[in-house]
Amino acid sequence: MDGLGRRVLVAAFDGWNDAGEAASSAITQLRDGGSYETVFSVDPELYFDYQYTRPHIAADADGRRTLQWPEASLLRPARATRGTQLWLLTGVEPARAWQAFSSEFVDIALREDITGFVAIGSMMSDVPHTRPISVFAGSDNENLRTTLELERSSYEGPVGILSVLGDAAERAGIRTASLWASVPHYVAGHTPSPKATLALLDKLEDLTGAPVPRGDLATEAAAWEASIDAAAADDEEMTDYIHQLERTRDTWDSPEASGDAIAQEFERYLRRTDGKPGDGPSKPGRDDPRR
């Protein structure tokens, strides 16, 4: 079997793996653009710390006030169709028992004859909002990297639940890939980033071959970029910083760029900032697959 096969499970979680809500919004777009039914949901008592992820109370359609508990669920398409279909795994990142959590979902994935697994996440990065959002597409599966021309991450360090799920799926014989969008750190913690969500969905469609709904994301992405432009126009320091990020990004993206040229540009950037706290690049996202 080449690639990810015809039944691909796409996973994204709220929390640590979701800068600018780009990944969780991508799952929401997929869910709202199709017809899905819940296959399995975990028992929240086993995996969530309610002091960290509190239940919410809200009114239902009949006006009754009901408690809504943190959840994580696997959904399948309500109707079988030709071509590649996407299953969805979404919810809140668990606070405990990650190995048991992953085992439960991998068991359900095997029962559903899932052939491929794609983890989607987003991370805060030193990138300008004015340039295309970069998406890292990688895999630890050598055959999958060759077939789909994916990269191999060299990152070593703390990880989120997506990495644990991906490892469990790969060990169970499900081919696994990951997509990570780089969200400008200066806006990632303040507003949702539809431009990053759109970039993730574009890459997901390229990777799986499954048709992916975009809804109004293109319009929302343009409005998001315009709103940041307007905010930066009133802040000279922010404008200068964005221009520095643009020059660095353009250097990296230029056809003639070499490793030495990129290193020199980065050194010049560091000299300009003088190493002052808050002036230089922020730390990469903690689950940054490129580090």
C-alpha atoms as a PDB file:
ATOM      1  CA  MET A   1       0.000   0.000   0.000  1.00  0.00           C
ATOM      2  CA  ASP A   2       1.393   3.383  -0.991  1.00  0.00           C
ATOM      3  CA  GLY A   3       0.787   6.576   0.937  1.00  0.00           C
ATOM      4  CA  LEU A   4      -1.738   6.813   3.730  1.00  0.00           C
ATOM      5  CA  GLY A   5      -4.405   4.631   2.142  1.00  0.00           C
ATOM      6  CA  ARG A   6      -8.137   5.247   1.821  1.00  0.00           C
ATOM      7  CA  ARG A   7      -9.121   5.608   5.481  1.00  0.00           C
ATOM      8  CA  VAL A   8      -7.143   8.384   7.121  1.00  0.00           C
ATOM      9  CA  LEU A   9      -7.597   9.518  10.707  1.00  0.00           C
ATOM     10  CA  VAL A  10      -6.883  13.229  11.218  1.00  0.00           C
ATOM     11  CA  ALA A  11      -6.181  14.334  14.795  1.00  0.00           C
ATOM     12  CA  ALA A  12      -6.003  17.763  16.437  1.00  0.00           C
ATOM     13  CA  PHE A  13      -6.423  18.877  20.046  1.00  0.00           C
ATOM     14  CA  ASP A  14      -7.103  22.091  21.919  1.00  0.00           C
ATOM     15  CA  GLY A  15      -4.267  23.286  24.109  1.00  0.00           C
ATOM     16  CA  TRP A  16      -0.498  22.897  23.837  1.00  0.00           C
ATOM     17  CA  ASN A  17      -0.515  21.809  20.174  1.00  0.00           C
ATOM     18  CA  ASP A  18      -2.836  24.562  18.932  1.00  0.00           C
ATOM     19  CA  ALA A  19      -1.257  28.013  18.543  1.00  0.00           C
ATOM     20  CA  GLY A  20      -3.745  30.492  17.161  1.00  0.00           C
ATOM     21  CA  GLU A  21      -6.394  27.740  17.331  1.00  0.00           C
ATOM     22  CA  ALA A  22      -5.285  26.849  13.825  1.00  0.00           C
ATOM     23  CA  ALA A  23      -5.326  23.054  14.209  1.00  0.00           C
ATOM     24  CA  SER A  24      -8.558  22.740  16.196  1.00  0.00           C
ATOM     25  CA  SER A  25     -10.251  25.134  13.750  1.00  0.00           C
ATOM     26  CA  ALA A  26      -9.135  22.897  10.870  1.00  0.00           C
ATOM     27  CA  ILE A  27     -10.899  19.921  12.474  1.00  0.00           C
ATOM     28  CA  THR A  28     -13.992  22.070  13.064  1.00  0.00           C
ATOM     29  CA  GLN A  29     -13.986  23.047   9.387  1.00  0.00           C
ATOM     30  CA  LEU A  30     -13.765  19.387   8.335  1.00  0.00           C
ATOM     31  CA  ARG A  31     -16.546  18.402  10.718  1.00  0.00           C
ATOM     32  CA  ASP A  32     -18.865  21.249   9.713  1.00  0.00           C
ATOM     33  CA  GLY A  33     -18.185  20.626   6.021  1.00  0.00           C
ATOM     34  CA  GLY A  34     -19.180  16.961   6.131  1.00  0.00           C
ATOM     35  CA  SER A  35     -21.462  14.504   7.855  1.00  0.00           C
ATOM     36  CA  TYR A  36     -19.960  12.603  10.791  1.00  0.00           C
ATOM     37  CA  GLU A  37     -21.063  10.299  13.568  1.00  0.00           C
ATOM     38  CA  THR A  38     -19.286   9.654  16.854  1.00  0.00           C
ATOM     39  CA  VAL A  39     -17.670   6.240  17.101  1.00  0.00           C
ATOM     40  CA  PHE A  40     -16.081   6.537  20.521  1.00  0.00           C
ATOM     41  CA  SER A  41     -15.517   9.049  23.331  1.00  0.00           C
ATOM     42  CA  VAL A  42     -13.233   8.570  26.313  1.00  0.00           C
ATOM     43  CA  ASP A  43     -14.426   8.637  29.907  1.00  0.00           C
ATOM     44  CA  PRO A  44     -13.428  12.157  31.008  1.00  0.00           C
ATOM     45  CA  GLU A  45     -12.938  11.012  34.613  1.00  0.00           C
ATOM     46  CA  LEU A  46      -9.921   8.966  33.522  1.00  0.00           C
ATOM     47  CA  TYR A  47      -7.958  11.574  31.586  1.00  0.00           C
ATOM     48  CA  PHE A  48      -8.832  15.148  32.520  1.00  0.00           C
ATOM     49  CA  ASP A  49      -7.938  17.331  35.477  1.00  0.00           C
ATOM     50  CA  TYR A  50     -11.017  19.469  36.050  1.00  0.00           C
ATOM     51  CA  GLN A  51      -9.043  22.161  37.882  1.00  0.00           C
ATOM     52  CA  TYR A  52      -6.976  22.561  34.718  1.00  0.00           C
ATOM     53  CA  THR A  53      -9.723  21.948  32.134  1.00  0.00           C
ATOM     54  CA  ARG A  54     -12.958  22.856  33.845  1.00  0.00           C
ATOM     55  CA  PRO A  55     -16.417  21.716  32.739  1.00  0.00           C
ATOM     56  CA  HIS A  56     -18.665  24.440  31.344  1.00  0.00           C
ATOM     57  CA  ILE A  57     -22.308  25.121  32.040  1.00  0.00           C
ATOM     58  CA  ALA A  58     -24.511  26.331  29.210  1.00  0.00           C
ATOM     59  CA  ALA A  59     -28.111  26.382  28.051  1.00  0.00           C
ATOM     60  CA  ASP A  60     -29.183  23.708  25.570  1.00  0.00           C
ATOM     61  CA  ALA A  61     -31.650  24.117  22.690  1.00  0.00           C
ATOM     62  CA  ASP A  62     -34.570  23.839  25.115  1.00  0.00           C
ATOM     63  CA  GLY A  63     -33.150  26.420  27.491  1.00  0.00           C
ATOM     64  CA  ARG A  64     -32.070  23.892  30.113  1.00  0.00           C
ATOM     65  CA  ARG A  65     -28.744  24.541  31.817  1.00  0.00           C
ATOM     66  CA  THR A  66     -26.469  21.549  31.390  1.00  0.00           C
ATOM     67  CA  LEU A  67     -22.871  20.711  32.232  1.00  0.00           C
ATOM     68  CA  GLN A  68     -20.473  20.114  29.356  1.00  0.00           C
ATOM     69  CA  TRP A  69     -17.460  17.999  30.308  1.00  0.00           C
ATOM     70  CA  PRO A  70     -14.068  17.983  28.604  1.00  0.00           C
ATOM     71  CA  GLU A  71     -14.030  15.310  25.930  1.00  0.00           C
ATOM     72  CA  ALA A  72     -12.042  13.595  23.227  1.00  0.00           C
ATOM     73  CA  SER A  73     -13.872  11.698  20.493  1.00  0.00           C
ATOM     74  CA  LEU A  74     -13.288   9.764  17.291  1.00  0.00           C
ATOM     75  CA  LEU A  75     -15.734  10.422  14.458  1.00  0.00           C
ATOM     76  CA  ARG A  76     -16.265   8.603  11.169  1.00  0.00           C
ATOM     77  CA  PRO A  77     -17.974   9.703   7.948  1.00  0.00           C
ATOM     78  CA  ALA A  78     -21.691   9.024   8.111  1.00  0.00           C
ATOM     79  CA  ARG A  79     -21.712   7.773   4.519  1.00  0.00           C
ATOM     80  CA  ALA A  80     -19.207   5.665   2.629  1.00  0.00           C
ATOM     81  CA  THR A  81     -17.944   7.246  -0.588  1.00  0.00           C
ATOM     82  CA  ARG A  82     -15.338   6.448  -3.206  1.00  0.00           C
ATOM     83  CA  GLY A  83     -11.828   7.679  -2.767  1.00  0.00           C
ATOM     84  CA  THR A  84     -10.048   8.649   0.415  1.00  0.00           C
ATOM     85  CA  GLN A  85     -12.192   9.409   3.451  1.00  0.00           C
ATOM     86  CA  LEU A  86     -11.181  11.281   6.560  1.00  0.00           C
ATOM     87  CA  TRP A  87     -11.983  10.116  10.087  1.00  0.00           C
ATOM     88  CA  LEU A  88     -11.575  12.765  12.826  1.00  0.00           C
ATOM     89  CA  LEU A  89     -10.056  12.633  16.307  1.00  0.00           C
ATOM     90  CA  THR A  90     -10.535  15.781  18.330  1.00  0.00           C
ATOM     91  CA  GLY A  91     -10.972  17.138  21.820  1.00  0.00           C
ATOM     92  CA  VAL A  92      -8.967  18.529  24.707  1.00  0.00           C
ATOM     93  CA  GLU A  93      -5.415  17.392  25.369  1.00  0.00           C
ATOM     94  CA  PRO A  94      -5.592  14.978  28.326  1.00  0.00           C
ATOM     95  CA  ALA A  95      -3.894  15.770  31.626  1.00  0.00           C
ATOM     96  CA  ARG A  96      -2.926  12.214  32.594  1.00  0.00           C
ATOM     97  CA  ALA A  97      -2.523   8.587  31.472  1.00  0.00           C
ATOM     98  CA  TRP A  98      -1.426   9.461  27.941  1.00  0.00           C
ATOM     99  CA  GLN A  99      -0.376   5.915  27.073  1.00  0.00           C
ATOM    100  CA  ALA A 100      -3.750   4.487  28.040  1.00  0.00           C
ATOM    101  CA  PHE A 101      -5.502   7.354  26.243  1.00  0.00           C
ATOM    102  CA  SER A 102      -3.555   6.637  23.060  1.00  0.00           C
ATOM    103  CA  SER A 103      -4.106   2.886  23.311  1.00  0.00           C
ATOM    104  CA  GLU A 104      -7.866   3.360  23.506  1.00  0.00           C
ATOM    105  CA  PHE A 105      -7.973   5.407  20.320  1.00  0.00           C
ATOM    106  CA  VAL A 106      -5.508   3.234  18.411  1.00  0.00           C
ATOM    107  CA  ASP A 107      -7.633   0.174  19.258  1.00  0.00           C
ATOM    108  CA  ILE A 108     -10.697   1.933  17.845  1.00  0.00           C
ATOM    109  CA  ALA A 109      -8.715   3.027  14.772  1.00  0.00           C
ATOM    110  CA  LEU A 110      -7.699  -0.573  14.091  1.00  0.00           C
ATOM    111  CA  ARG A 111     -11.297  -1.675  14.515  1.00  0.00           C
ATOM    112  CA  GLU A 112     -12.315   0.947  11.948  1.00  0.00           C
ATOM    113  CA  ASP A 113      -9.634  -0.329   9.515  1.00  0.00           C
ATOM    114  CA  ILE A 114      -7.824   3.006   9.563  1.00  0.00           C
ATOM    115  CA  THR A 115      -4.908   2.921   7.117  1.00  0.00           C
ATOM    116  CA  GLY A 116      -3.210   6.238   7.867  1.00  0.00           C
ATOM    117  CA  PHE A 117      -2.915   8.790  10.662  1.00  0.00           C
ATOM    118  CA  VAL A 118      -2.226  12.522  10.262  1.00  0.00           C
ATOM    119  CA  ALA A 119      -1.548  14.688  13.300  1.00  0.00           C
ATOM    120  CA  ILE A 120      -2.128  18.396  12.700  1.00  0.00           C
ATOM    121  CA  GLY A 121      -0.819  21.071  15.005  1.00  0.00           C
ATOM    122  CA  SER A 122       0.260  24.686  15.066  1.00  0.00           C
ATOM    123  CA  MET A 123       3.151  26.377  16.847  1.00  0.00           C
ATOM    124  CA  MET A 124       4.269  29.897  17.632  1.00  0.00           C
ATOM    125  CA  SER A 125       7.180  30.868  15.388  1.00  0.00           C
ATOM    126  CA  ASP A 126       9.231  33.861  14.311  1.00  0.00           C
ATOM    127  CA  VAL A 127       7.425  34.352  11.004  1.00  0.00           C
ATOM    128  CA  PRO A 128       5.672  37.366   9.468  1.00  0.00           C
ATOM    129  CA  HIS A 129       1.895  37.341   8.982  1.00  0.00           C
ATOM    130  CA  THR A 130       2.351  38.928   5.538  1.00  0.00           C
ATOM    131  CA  ARG A 131       3.969  35.870   3.952  1.00  0.00           C
ATOM    132  CA  PRO A 132       2.434  32.453   3.171  1.00  0.00           C
ATOM    133  CA  ILE A 133       2.085  30.311   6.280  1.00  0.00           C
ATOM    134  CA  SER A 134       4.687  27.557   6.194  1.00  0.00           C
ATOM    135  CA  VAL A 135       3.573  24.028   7.056  1.00  0.00           C
ATOM    136  CA  PHE A 136       6.086  21.375   8.055  1.00  0.00           C
ATOM    137  CA  ALA A 137       5.051  17.972   6.659  1.00  0.00           C
ATOM    138  CA  GLY A 138       6.967  15.100   8.192  1.00  0.00           C
ATOM    139  CA  SER A 139       6.947  11.429   9.105  1.00  0.00           C
ATOM    140  CA  ASP A 140       9.069   8.925  10.993  1.00  0.00           C
ATOM    141  CA  ASN A 141       7.990   6.241   8.516  1.00  0.00           C
ATOM    142  CA  GLU A 142      10.744   5.848   5.916  1.00  0.00           C
ATOM    143  CA  ASN A 143       8.462   4.422   3.201  1.00  0.00           C
ATOM    144  CA  LEU A 144       5.951   7.217   3.711  1.00  0.00           C
ATOM    145  CA  ARG A 145       8.665   9.867   3.525  1.00  0.00           C
ATOM    146  CA  THR A 146       9.827   8.453   0.203  1.00  0.00           C
ATOM    147  CA  THR A 147       6.347   8.036  -1.262  1.00  0.00           C
ATOM    148  CA  LEU A 148       4.969  11.438  -0.211  1.00  0.00           C
ATOM    149  CA  GLU A 149       8.261  13.385  -0.173  1.00  0.00           C
ATOM    150  CA  LEU A 150       7.979  14.212   3.512  1.00  0.00           C
ATOM    151  CA  GLU A 151      10.689  15.392   5.868  1.00  0.00           C
ATOM    152  CA  ARG A 152      12.089  13.704   8.948  1.00  0.00           C
ATOM    153  CA  SER A 153      11.999  15.808  12.094  1.00  0.00           C
ATOM    154  CA  SER A 154      15.232  16.263  14.016  1.00  0.00           C
ATOM    155  CA  TYR A 155      13.474  17.728  17.063  1.00  0.00           C
ATOM    156  CA  GLU A 156      14.370  16.361  20.494  1.00  0.00           C
ATOM    157  CA  GLY A 157      12.531  17.568  23.588  1.00  0.00           C
ATOM    158  CA  PRO A 158       9.107  17.724  25.260  1.00  0.00           C
ATOM    159  CA  VAL A 159       6.120  16.710  23.138  1.00  0.00           C
ATOM    160  CA  GLY A 160       2.337  16.938  23.182  1.00  0.00           C
ATOM    161  CA  ILE A 161      -0.353  14.278  22.910  1.00  0.00           C
ATOM    162  CA  LEU A 162      -0.129  14.316  19.102  1.00  0.00           C
ATOM    163  CA  SER A 163       3.372  12.871  19.225  1.00  0.00           C
ATOM    164  CA  VAL A 164       2.303  10.172  21.680  1.00  0.00           C
ATOM    165  CA  LEU A 165      -0.682   9.213  19.533  1.00  0.00           C
ATOM    166  CA  GLY A 166       1.447   9.174  16.401  1.00  0.00           C
ATOM    167  CA  ASP A 167       4.009   6.907  18.030  1.00  0.00           C
ATOM    168  CA  ALA A 168       1.296   4.507  19.219  1.00  0.00           C
ATOM    169  CA  ALA A 169      -0.333   4.443  15.772  1.00  0.00           C
ATOM    170  CA  GLU A 170       2.971   3.782  13.997  1.00  0.00           C
ATOM    171  CA  ARG A 171       3.804   0.962  16.408  1.00  0.00           C
ATOM    172  CA  ALA A 172       0.409  -0.573  15.675  1.00  0.00           C
ATOM    173  CA  GLY A 173       1.127  -0.601  11.931  1.00  0.00           C
ATOM    174  CA  ILE A 174      -0.771   2.556  10.950  1.00  0.00           C
ATOM    175  CA  ARG A 175       1.338   4.816   8.735  1.00  0.00           C
ATOM    176  CA  THR A 176       1.710   8.197  10.369  1.00  0.00           C
ATOM    177  CA  ALA A 177       2.461  11.733   9.202  1.00  0.00           C
ATOM    178  CA  SER A 178       2.277  15.159  10.839  1.00  0.00           C
ATOM    179  CA  LEU A 179       1.506  18.685   9.673  1.00  0.00           C
ATOM    180  CA  TRP A 180       2.608  21.718  11.698  1.00  0.00           C
ATOM    181  CA  ALA A 181       1.699  25.285  10.788  1.00  0.00           C
ATOM    182  CA  SER A 182       3.969  28.147  11.897  1.00  0.00           C
ATOM    183  CA  VAL A 183       1.843  30.943  13.370  1.00  0.00           C
ATOM    184  CA  PRO A 184       3.316  34.432  13.965  1.00  0.00           C
ATOM    185  CA  HIS A 185       4.090  34.500  17.675  1.00  0.00           C
ATOM    186  CA  TYR A 186       3.078  38.148  18.050  1.00  0.00           C
ATOM    187  CA  VAL A 187      -0.566  37.295  17.294  1.00  0.00           C
ATOM    188  CA  ALA A 188      -0.826  33.554  18.065  1.00  0.00           C
ATOM    189  CA  GLY A 189      -1.966  34.043  21.640  1.00  0.00           C
ATOM    190  CA  HIS A 190      -4.504  36.779  20.941  1.00  0.00           C
ATOM    191  CA  THR A 191      -6.735  35.819  18.021  1.00  0.00           C
ATOM    192  CA  PRO A 192      -7.570  32.730  15.956  1.00  0.00           C
ATOM    193  CA  SER A 193      -5.433  32.466  12.824  1.00  0.00           C
ATOM    194  CA  PRO A 194      -7.618  31.482   9.849  1.00  0.00           C
ATOM    195  CA  LYS A 195      -4.670  31.917   7.469  1.00  0.00           C
ATOM    196  CA  ALA A 196      -2.838  29.121   9.302  1.00  0.00           C
ATOM    197  CA  THR A 197      -5.971  26.965   9.351  1.00  0.00           C
ATOM    198  CA  LEU A 198      -6.313  27.401   5.597  1.00  0.00           C
ATOM    199  CA  ALA A 199      -2.663  26.454   5.067  1.00  0.00           C
ATOM    200  CA  LEU A 200      -3.131  23.269   7.111  1.00  0.00           C
ATOM    201  CA  LEU A 201      -6.213  22.243   5.142  1.00  0.00           C
ATOM    202  CA  ASP A 202      -4.477  22.905   1.814  1.00  0.00           C
ATOM    203  CA  LYS A 203      -1.583  20.697   2.880  1.00  0.00           C
ATOM    204  CA  LEU A 204      -3.909  18.014   4.219  1.00  0.00           C
ATOM    205  CA  GLU A 205      -5.675  17.791   0.864  1.00  0.00           C
ATOM    206  CA  ASP A 206      -2.327  17.522  -0.941  1.00  0.00           C
ATOM    207  CA  LEU A 207      -1.183  14.812   1.460  1.00  0.00           C
ATOM    208  CA  THR A 208      -4.292  12.626   1.494  1.00  0.00           C
ATOM    209  CA  GLY A 209      -5.989  13.341  -1.831  1.00  0.00           C
ATOM    210  CA  ALA A 210      -9.305  13.727   0.002  1.00  0.00           C
ATOM    211  CA  PRO A 211     -11.459  16.760  -0.892  1.00  0.00           C
ATOM    212  CA  VAL A 212     -11.288  19.247   1.969  1.00  0.00           C
ATOM    213  CA  PRO A 213     -13.899  21.986   2.559  1.00  0.00           C
ATOM    214  CA  ARG A 214     -12.561  25.505   3.142  1.00  0.00           C
ATOM    215  CA  GLY A 215     -15.786  27.422   3.717  1.00  0.00           C
ATOM    216  CA  ASP A 216     -15.120  31.149   4.105  1.00  0.00           C
ATOM    217  CA  LEU A 217     -11.536  30.683   5.280  1.00  0.00           C
ATOM    218  CA  ALA A 218      -9.991  32.566   2.354  1.00  0.00           C
ATOM    219  CA  THR A 219     -12.060  35.669   3.158  1.00  0.00           C
ATOM    220  CA  GLU A 220     -11.406  35.310   6.885  1.00  0.00           C
ATOM    221  CA  ALA A 221      -7.670  34.923   6.266  1.00  0.00           C
ATOM    222  CA  ALA A 222      -7.566  38.139   4.217  1.00  0.00           C
ATOM    223  CA  ALA A 223      -9.481  40.012   6.933  1.00  0.00           C
ATOM    224  CA  TRP A 224      -7.138  38.600   9.620  1.00  0.00           C
ATOM    225  CA  GLU A 225      -4.074  39.821   7.731  1.00  0.00           C
ATOM    226  CA  ALA A 226      -5.632  43.239   7.124  1.00  0.00           C
ATOM    227  CA  SER A 227      -6.472  43.648  10.815  1.00  0.00           C
ATOM    228  CA  ILE A 228      -2.866  42.962  11.818  1.00  0.00           C
ATOM    229  CA  ASP A 229      -1.641  45.392   9.133  1.00  0.00           C
ATOM    230  CA  ALA A 230      -3.891  48.058  10.635  1.00  0.00           C
ATOM    231  CA  ALA A 231      -2.638  47.413  14.160  1.00  0.00           C
ATOM    232  CA  ALA A 232       1.002  47.476  13.029  1.00  0.00           C
ATOM    233  CA  ALA A 233       0.499  50.746  11.158  1.00  0.00           C
ATOM    234  CA  ASP A 234      -0.032  52.514  14.501  1.00  0.00           C
ATOM    235  CA  ASP A 235       3.011  50.892  16.135  1.00  0.00           C
ATOM    236  CA  GLU A 236       6.383  51.817  14.639  1.00  0.00           C
ATOM    237  CA  GLU A 237       8.287  49.245  16.703  1.00  0.00           C
ATOM    238  CA  MET A 238       5.961  46.448  15.617  1.00  0.00           C
ATOM    239  CA  THR A 239       6.209  47.555  11.985  1.00  0.00           C
ATOM    240  CA  ASP A 240      10.007  47.449  12.119  1.00  0.00           C
ATOM    241  CA  TYR A 241       9.959  44.029  13.729  1.00  0.00           C
ATOM    242  CA  ILE A 242       7.616  42.646  11.061  1.00  0.00           C
ATOM    243  CA  HIS A 243       9.889  44.038   8.333  1.00  0.00           C
ATOM    244  CA  GLN A 244      12.844  42.241   9.937  1.00  0.00           C
ATOM    245  CA  LEU A 245      10.887  38.984   9.901  1.00  0.00           C
ATOM    246  CA  GLU A 246       9.944  39.566   6.260  1.00  0.00           C
ATOM    247  CA  ARG A 247      13.575  40.067   5.226  1.00  0.00           C
ATOM    248  CA  THR A 248      14.631  36.893   7.035  1.00  0.00           C
ATOM    249  CA  ARG A 249      11.783  34.875   5.520  1.00  0.00           C
ATOM    250  CA  ASP A 250      12.530  36.176   2.017  1.00  0.00           C
ATOM    251  CA  THR A 251      16.175  35.200   2.442  1.00  0.00           C
ATOM    252  CA  TRP A 252      15.209  31.670   3.461  1.00  0.00           C
ATOM    253  CA  ASP A 253      12.774  31.356   0.560  1.00  0.00           C
ATOM    254  CA  SER A 254      15.032  32.773  -2.156  1.00  0.00           C
ATOM    255  CA  PRO A 255      16.255  30.259  -4.787  1.00  0.00           C
ATOM    256  CA  GLU A 256      19.875  31.299  -4.284  1.00  0.00           C
ATOM    257  CA  ALA A 257      19.728  30.923  -0.500  1.00  0.00           C
ATOM    258  CA  SER A 258      22.431  28.708   0.974  1.00  0.00           C
ATOM    259  CA  GLY A 259      22.992  27.524   4.497  1.00  0.00           C
ATOM    260  CA  ASP A 260      25.728  30.135   4.914  1.00  0.00           C
ATOM    261  CA  ALA A 261      23.497  32.933   3.623  1.00  0.00           C
ATOM    262  CA  ILE A 262      20.709  31.998   5.988  1.00  0.00           C
ATOM    263  CA  ALA A 263      23.124  31.844   8.918  1.00  0.00           C
ATOM    264  CA  GLN A 264      24.570  35.254   8.046  1.00  0.00           C
ATOM    265  CA  GLU A 265      21.130  36.827   7.806  1.00  0.00           C
ATOM    266  CA  PHE A 266      20.165  35.364  11.173  1.00  0.00           C
ATOM    267  CA  GLU A 267      23.388  36.681  12.748  1.00  0.00           C
ATOM    268  CA  ARG A 268      22.654  40.159  11.368  1.00  0.00           C
ATOM    269  CA  TYR A 269      19.172  39.944  12.840  1.00  0.00           C
ATOM    270  CA  LEU A 270      20.560  39.031  16.264  1.00  0.00           C
ATOM    271  CA  ARG A 271      23.025  41.929  16.130  1.00  0.00           C
ATOM    272  CA  ARG A 272      20.202  44.343  15.370  1.00  0.00           C
ATOM    273  CA  THR A 273      18.255  43.194  18.411  1.00  0.00           C
ATOM    274  CA  ASP A 274      21.357  43.348  20.674  1.00  0.00           C
ATOM    275  CA  GLY A 275      20.012  40.360  22.547  1.00  0.00           C
ATOM    276  CA  LYS A 276      17.597  42.557  24.517  1.00  0.00           C
ATOM    277  CA  PRO A 277      14.776  40.672  26.293  1.00  0.00           C
ATOM    278  CA  GLY A 278      11.682  40.729  24.156  1.00  0.00           C
ATOM    279  CA  ASP A 279      13.486  42.109  21.100  1.00  0.00           C
ATOM    280  CA  GLY A 280      14.798  38.913  19.614  1.00  0.00           C
ATOM    281  CA  PRO A 281      13.019  35.877  18.263  1.00  0.00           C
ATOM    282  CA  SER A 282      10.705  34.077  20.629  1.00  0.00           C
ATOM    283  CA  LYS A 283      11.381  30.461  21.439  1.00  0.00           C
ATOM    284  CA  PRO A 284       9.999  27.984  18.905  1.00  0.00           C
ATOM    285  CA  GLY A 285       6.777  26.196  19.783  1.00  0.00           C
ATOM    286  CA  ARG A 286       7.419  23.493  22.347  1.00  0.00           C
ATOM    287  CA  ASP A 287       6.366  20.755  19.953  1.00  0.00           C
ATOM    288  CA  ASP A 288       8.289  22.325  17.082  1.00  0.00           C
ATOM    289  CA  PRO A 289       9.124  19.391  14.777  1.00  0.00           C
ATOM    290  CA  ARG A 290      11.891  21.345  13.053  1.00  0.00           C
ATOM    291  CA  ARG A 291      14.147  21.841  16.070  1.00  0.00           C
END
